[in-house]
């Protein structure tokens, strides 16, 4: 339990930041899932569209520090390879 004004403020900030990060991470996972589902269905056009959205979401999350820059890059690379194999 926070006993100082500064500690209470940090607690409020933590709650807001956690909620924001969770929302961003969830959006990233959903967009990546859309790509993977399209790949499974062997639907190249749908996969390409979904890949654009996933790359955008991953880059945005990486720039905000929600996911690590290299993790985002690795995920984009793997998805791109999978889509181009279709």
N, C-alpha and C. Protein backbone atom coordinates (compact mmCIF):
# COMPACT_ATOMS: atom_id res chain seq x y z
N UNK A 1 0.84 -1.19 0.00
CA UNK A 1 0.00 0.00 0.00
C UNK A 1 0.88 1.24 0.00
N UNK A 2 0.58 2.17 -0.90
CA UNK A 2 1.37 3.40 -1.02
C UNK A 2 1.03 4.36 0.11
N UNK A 3 2.08 4.93 0.71
CA UNK A 3 1.88 5.85 1.83
C UNK A 3 2.26 7.28 1.50
N UNK A 4 2.94 7.49 0.38
CA UNK A 4 3.35 8.83 -0.02
C UNK A 4 2.62 9.23 -1.29
N UNK A 5 2.46 10.52 -1.46
CA UNK A 5 1.76 11.02 -2.63
C UNK A 5 2.44 10.56 -3.92
N UNK A 6 3.77 10.59 -3.94
CA UNK A 6 4.50 10.19 -5.13
C UNK A 6 4.30 8.70 -5.43
N UNK A 7 4.24 7.88 -4.38
CA UNK A 7 4.03 6.45 -4.56
C UNK A 7 2.61 6.17 -5.05
N UNK A 8 1.65 6.94 -4.57
CA UNK A 8 0.26 6.79 -5.03
C UNK A 8 0.16 7.16 -6.51
N UNK A 9 0.87 8.22 -6.89
CA UNK A 9 0.86 8.64 -8.30
C UNK A 9 1.50 7.55 -9.17
N UNK A 10 2.62 6.99 -8.73
CA UNK A 10 3.27 5.93 -9.49
C UNK A 10 2.33 4.73 -9.65
N UNK A 11 1.54 4.46 -8.63
CA UNK A 11 0.59 3.35 -8.68
C UNK A 11 -0.50 3.63 -9.72
N UNK A 12 -0.98 4.88 -9.74
CA UNK A 12 -1.99 5.25 -10.74
C UNK A 12 -1.42 5.14 -12.15
N UNK A 13 -0.18 5.58 -12.31
CA UNK A 13 0.47 5.50 -13.62
C UNK A 13 0.67 4.05 -14.06
N UNK A 14 1.05 3.21 -13.11
CA UNK A 14 1.27 1.79 -13.40
C UNK A 14 -0.01 1.14 -13.92
N UNK A 15 -1.12 1.46 -13.28
CA UNK A 15 -2.40 0.87 -13.69
C UNK A 15 -2.76 1.30 -15.11
N UNK A 16 -2.59 2.58 -15.41
CA UNK A 16 -2.90 3.08 -16.76
C UNK A 16 -1.98 2.46 -17.80
N UNK A 17 -0.69 2.41 -17.48
CA UNK A 17 0.30 1.89 -18.42
C UNK A 17 0.06 0.40 -18.69
N UNK A 18 -0.26 -0.34 -17.64
CA UNK A 18 -0.51 -1.78 -17.80
C UNK A 18 -1.72 -2.01 -18.70
N UNK A 19 -2.77 -1.23 -18.50
CA UNK A 19 -3.98 -1.38 -19.31
C UNK A 19 -3.68 -1.06 -20.77
N UNK A 20 -2.92 0.00 -21.00
CA UNK A 20 -2.58 0.41 -22.36
C UNK A 20 -1.71 -0.66 -23.04
N UNK A 21 -0.70 -1.14 -22.32
CA UNK A 21 0.18 -2.17 -22.88
C UNK A 21 -0.57 -3.46 -23.18
N UNK A 22 -1.49 -3.83 -22.30
CA UNK A 22 -2.27 -5.05 -22.49
C UNK A 22 -3.13 -4.93 -23.75
N UNK A 23 -3.73 -3.76 -23.95
CA UNK A 23 -4.57 -3.54 -25.13
C UNK A 23 -3.74 -3.61 -26.41
N UNK A 24 -2.57 -3.00 -26.40
CA UNK A 24 -1.70 -3.02 -27.58
C UNK A 24 -1.24 -4.44 -27.87
N UNK A 25 -0.79 -5.15 -26.83
CA UNK A 25 -0.31 -6.52 -27.01
C UNK A 25 -1.43 -7.43 -27.53
N UNK A 26 -2.63 -7.23 -27.04
CA UNK A 26 -3.77 -8.03 -27.48
C UNK A 26 -4.07 -7.77 -28.95
N UNK A 27 -4.01 -6.51 -29.36
CA UNK A 27 -4.25 -6.16 -30.77
C UNK A 27 -3.19 -6.78 -31.67
N UNK A 28 -1.95 -6.79 -31.21
CA UNK A 28 -0.86 -7.39 -31.99
C UNK A 28 -1.11 -8.88 -32.15
N UNK A 29 -1.44 -9.55 -31.06
CA UNK A 29 -1.68 -11.00 -31.12
C UNK A 29 -2.83 -11.33 -32.07
N UNK A 30 -3.88 -10.51 -32.03
CA UNK A 30 -5.04 -10.74 -32.90
C UNK A 30 -4.65 -10.58 -34.36
N UNK A 31 -3.88 -9.53 -34.67
CA UNK A 31 -3.50 -9.30 -36.07
C UNK A 31 -2.57 -10.41 -36.58
N UNK A 32 -1.68 -10.89 -35.72
CA UNK A 32 -0.80 -12.00 -36.11
C UNK A 32 -1.62 -13.27 -36.32
N UNK A 33 -2.63 -13.47 -35.48
CA UNK A 33 -3.49 -14.64 -35.60
C UNK A 33 -4.25 -14.62 -36.93
N UNK A 34 -4.69 -13.43 -37.36
CA UNK A 34 -5.40 -13.32 -38.63
C UNK A 34 -4.51 -13.78 -39.79
N UNK A 35 -3.23 -13.41 -39.73
CA UNK A 35 -2.30 -13.84 -40.77
C UNK A 35 -2.16 -15.35 -40.75
N UNK A 36 -1.96 -15.91 -39.56
CA UNK A 36 -1.75 -17.36 -39.45
C UNK A 36 -2.97 -18.15 -39.91
N UNK A 37 -4.16 -17.64 -39.61
CA UNK A 37 -5.39 -18.32 -40.03
C UNK A 37 -5.50 -18.29 -41.56
N UNK A 38 -5.17 -17.14 -42.16
CA UNK A 38 -5.22 -17.02 -43.62
C UNK A 38 -4.20 -17.95 -44.26
N UNK A 39 -3.04 -18.11 -43.64
CA UNK A 39 -2.01 -19.02 -44.17
C UNK A 39 -2.51 -20.46 -44.10
N UNK A 40 -3.14 -20.80 -42.98
CA UNK A 40 -3.69 -22.16 -42.82
C UNK A 40 -4.73 -22.48 -43.89
N UNK A 41 -5.55 -21.45 -44.22
CA UNK A 41 -6.59 -21.64 -45.23
C UNK A 41 -6.03 -21.56 -46.64
N UNK A 42 -4.72 -21.28 -46.76
CA UNK A 42 -4.05 -21.14 -48.05
C UNK A 42 -4.65 -20.03 -48.90
N UNK A 43 -5.12 -18.98 -48.24
CA UNK A 43 -5.72 -17.83 -48.92
C UNK A 43 -4.66 -16.73 -49.02
N UNK A 44 -4.00 -16.66 -50.18
CA UNK A 44 -2.86 -15.74 -50.33
C UNK A 44 -3.26 -14.27 -50.24
N UNK A 45 -4.36 -13.90 -50.88
CA UNK A 45 -4.78 -12.49 -50.89
C UNK A 45 -5.13 -12.02 -49.48
N UNK A 46 -5.89 -12.84 -48.78
CA UNK A 46 -6.27 -12.50 -47.40
C UNK A 46 -5.03 -12.43 -46.50
N UNK A 47 -4.11 -13.34 -46.72
CA UNK A 47 -2.88 -13.37 -45.92
C UNK A 47 -2.05 -12.12 -46.16
N UNK A 48 -1.96 -11.68 -47.41
CA UNK A 48 -1.18 -10.47 -47.73
C UNK A 48 -1.79 -9.25 -47.04
N UNK A 49 -3.12 -9.14 -47.10
CA UNK A 49 -3.80 -8.01 -46.44
C UNK A 49 -3.57 -8.04 -44.94
N UNK A 50 -3.72 -9.23 -44.37
CA UNK A 50 -3.55 -9.37 -42.92
C UNK A 50 -2.11 -9.10 -42.51
N UNK A 51 -1.16 -9.47 -43.37
CA UNK A 51 0.25 -9.25 -43.08
C UNK A 51 0.57 -7.76 -42.96
N UNK A 52 -0.01 -6.96 -43.83
CA UNK A 52 0.20 -5.51 -43.78
C UNK A 52 -0.25 -4.97 -42.43
N UNK A 53 -1.43 -5.39 -41.99
CA UNK A 53 -1.94 -4.95 -40.69
C UNK A 53 -1.09 -5.44 -39.53
N UNK A 54 -0.62 -6.67 -39.63
CA UNK A 54 0.20 -7.23 -38.56
C UNK A 54 1.55 -6.52 -38.46
N UNK A 55 2.15 -6.23 -39.60
CA UNK A 55 3.44 -5.52 -39.60
C UNK A 55 3.27 -4.15 -38.97
N UNK A 56 2.19 -3.49 -39.32
CA UNK A 56 1.92 -2.16 -38.78
C UNK A 56 1.74 -2.23 -37.25
N UNK A 57 0.96 -3.19 -36.80
CA UNK A 57 0.71 -3.34 -35.36
C UNK A 57 1.99 -3.69 -34.61
N UNK A 58 2.79 -4.58 -35.18
CA UNK A 58 4.05 -4.97 -34.53
C UNK A 58 5.03 -3.80 -34.46
N UNK A 59 5.13 -3.04 -35.55
CA UNK A 59 6.03 -1.88 -35.56
C UNK A 59 5.60 -0.84 -34.54
N UNK A 60 4.30 -0.64 -34.46
CA UNK A 60 3.78 0.34 -33.49
C UNK A 60 4.05 -0.12 -32.06
N UNK A 61 3.81 -1.39 -31.79
CA UNK A 61 4.05 -1.93 -30.45
C UNK A 61 5.53 -1.87 -30.09
N UNK A 62 6.39 -2.13 -31.07
CA UNK A 62 7.83 -2.08 -30.81
C UNK A 62 8.27 -0.65 -30.53
N UNK A 63 7.71 0.31 -31.25
CA UNK A 63 8.10 1.71 -31.04
C UNK A 63 7.64 2.21 -29.68
N UNK A 64 6.57 1.64 -29.16
CA UNK A 64 6.07 2.04 -27.85
C UNK A 64 6.72 1.24 -26.72
N UNK A 65 7.51 0.23 -27.08
CA UNK A 65 8.20 -0.56 -26.07
C UNK A 65 7.36 -1.67 -25.47
N UNK A 66 6.23 -1.97 -26.09
CA UNK A 66 5.36 -3.04 -25.58
C UNK A 66 5.98 -4.40 -25.87
N UNK A 67 6.52 -4.54 -27.08
CA UNK A 67 7.29 -5.73 -27.42
C UNK A 67 8.68 -5.27 -27.84
N UNK A 68 9.65 -6.14 -27.67
CA UNK A 68 11.03 -5.79 -28.02
C UNK A 68 11.16 -5.63 -29.53
N UNK A 69 12.02 -4.73 -29.94
CA UNK A 69 12.24 -4.42 -31.35
C UNK A 69 12.61 -5.67 -32.14
N UNK A 70 13.49 -6.48 -31.61
CA UNK A 70 13.93 -7.68 -32.34
C UNK A 70 12.84 -8.75 -32.37
N UNK A 71 12.05 -8.83 -31.33
CA UNK A 71 10.93 -9.79 -31.32
C UNK A 71 9.95 -9.44 -32.43
N UNK A 72 9.65 -8.15 -32.56
CA UNK A 72 8.75 -7.70 -33.61
C UNK A 72 9.33 -8.00 -34.98
N UNK A 73 10.61 -7.71 -35.15
CA UNK A 73 11.28 -7.95 -36.43
C UNK A 73 11.27 -9.43 -36.79
N UNK A 74 11.55 -10.28 -35.82
CA UNK A 74 11.58 -11.72 -36.04
C UNK A 74 10.19 -12.24 -36.44
N UNK A 75 9.16 -11.74 -35.76
CA UNK A 75 7.79 -12.16 -36.06
C UNK A 75 7.39 -11.75 -37.47
N UNK A 76 7.74 -10.51 -37.84
CA UNK A 76 7.43 -10.02 -39.19
C UNK A 76 8.13 -10.88 -40.23
N UNK A 77 9.39 -11.19 -39.98
CA UNK A 77 10.16 -12.00 -40.93
C UNK A 77 9.54 -13.37 -41.12
N UNK A 78 9.18 -14.01 -40.02
CA UNK A 78 8.60 -15.36 -40.10
C UNK A 78 7.25 -15.36 -40.81
N UNK A 79 6.43 -14.35 -40.51
CA UNK A 79 5.13 -14.26 -41.18
C UNK A 79 5.30 -13.98 -42.68
N UNK A 80 6.24 -13.10 -43.01
CA UNK A 80 6.49 -12.76 -44.42
C UNK A 80 6.93 -13.98 -45.20
N UNK A 81 7.82 -14.76 -44.61
CA UNK A 81 8.29 -15.99 -45.28
C UNK A 81 7.12 -16.94 -45.51
N UNK A 82 6.29 -17.09 -44.51
CA UNK A 82 5.15 -18.01 -44.61
C UNK A 82 4.17 -17.55 -45.68
N UNK A 83 3.92 -16.24 -45.76
CA UNK A 83 2.98 -15.73 -46.77
C UNK A 83 3.57 -15.89 -48.17
N UNK A 84 4.86 -15.62 -48.32
CA UNK A 84 5.48 -15.72 -49.64
C UNK A 84 5.60 -17.17 -50.12
N UNK A 85 5.57 -18.12 -49.19
CA UNK A 85 5.60 -19.53 -49.60
C UNK A 85 4.29 -19.99 -50.21
N UNK A 86 3.20 -19.25 -49.95
CA UNK A 86 1.89 -19.66 -50.47
C UNK A 86 1.86 -19.62 -52.01
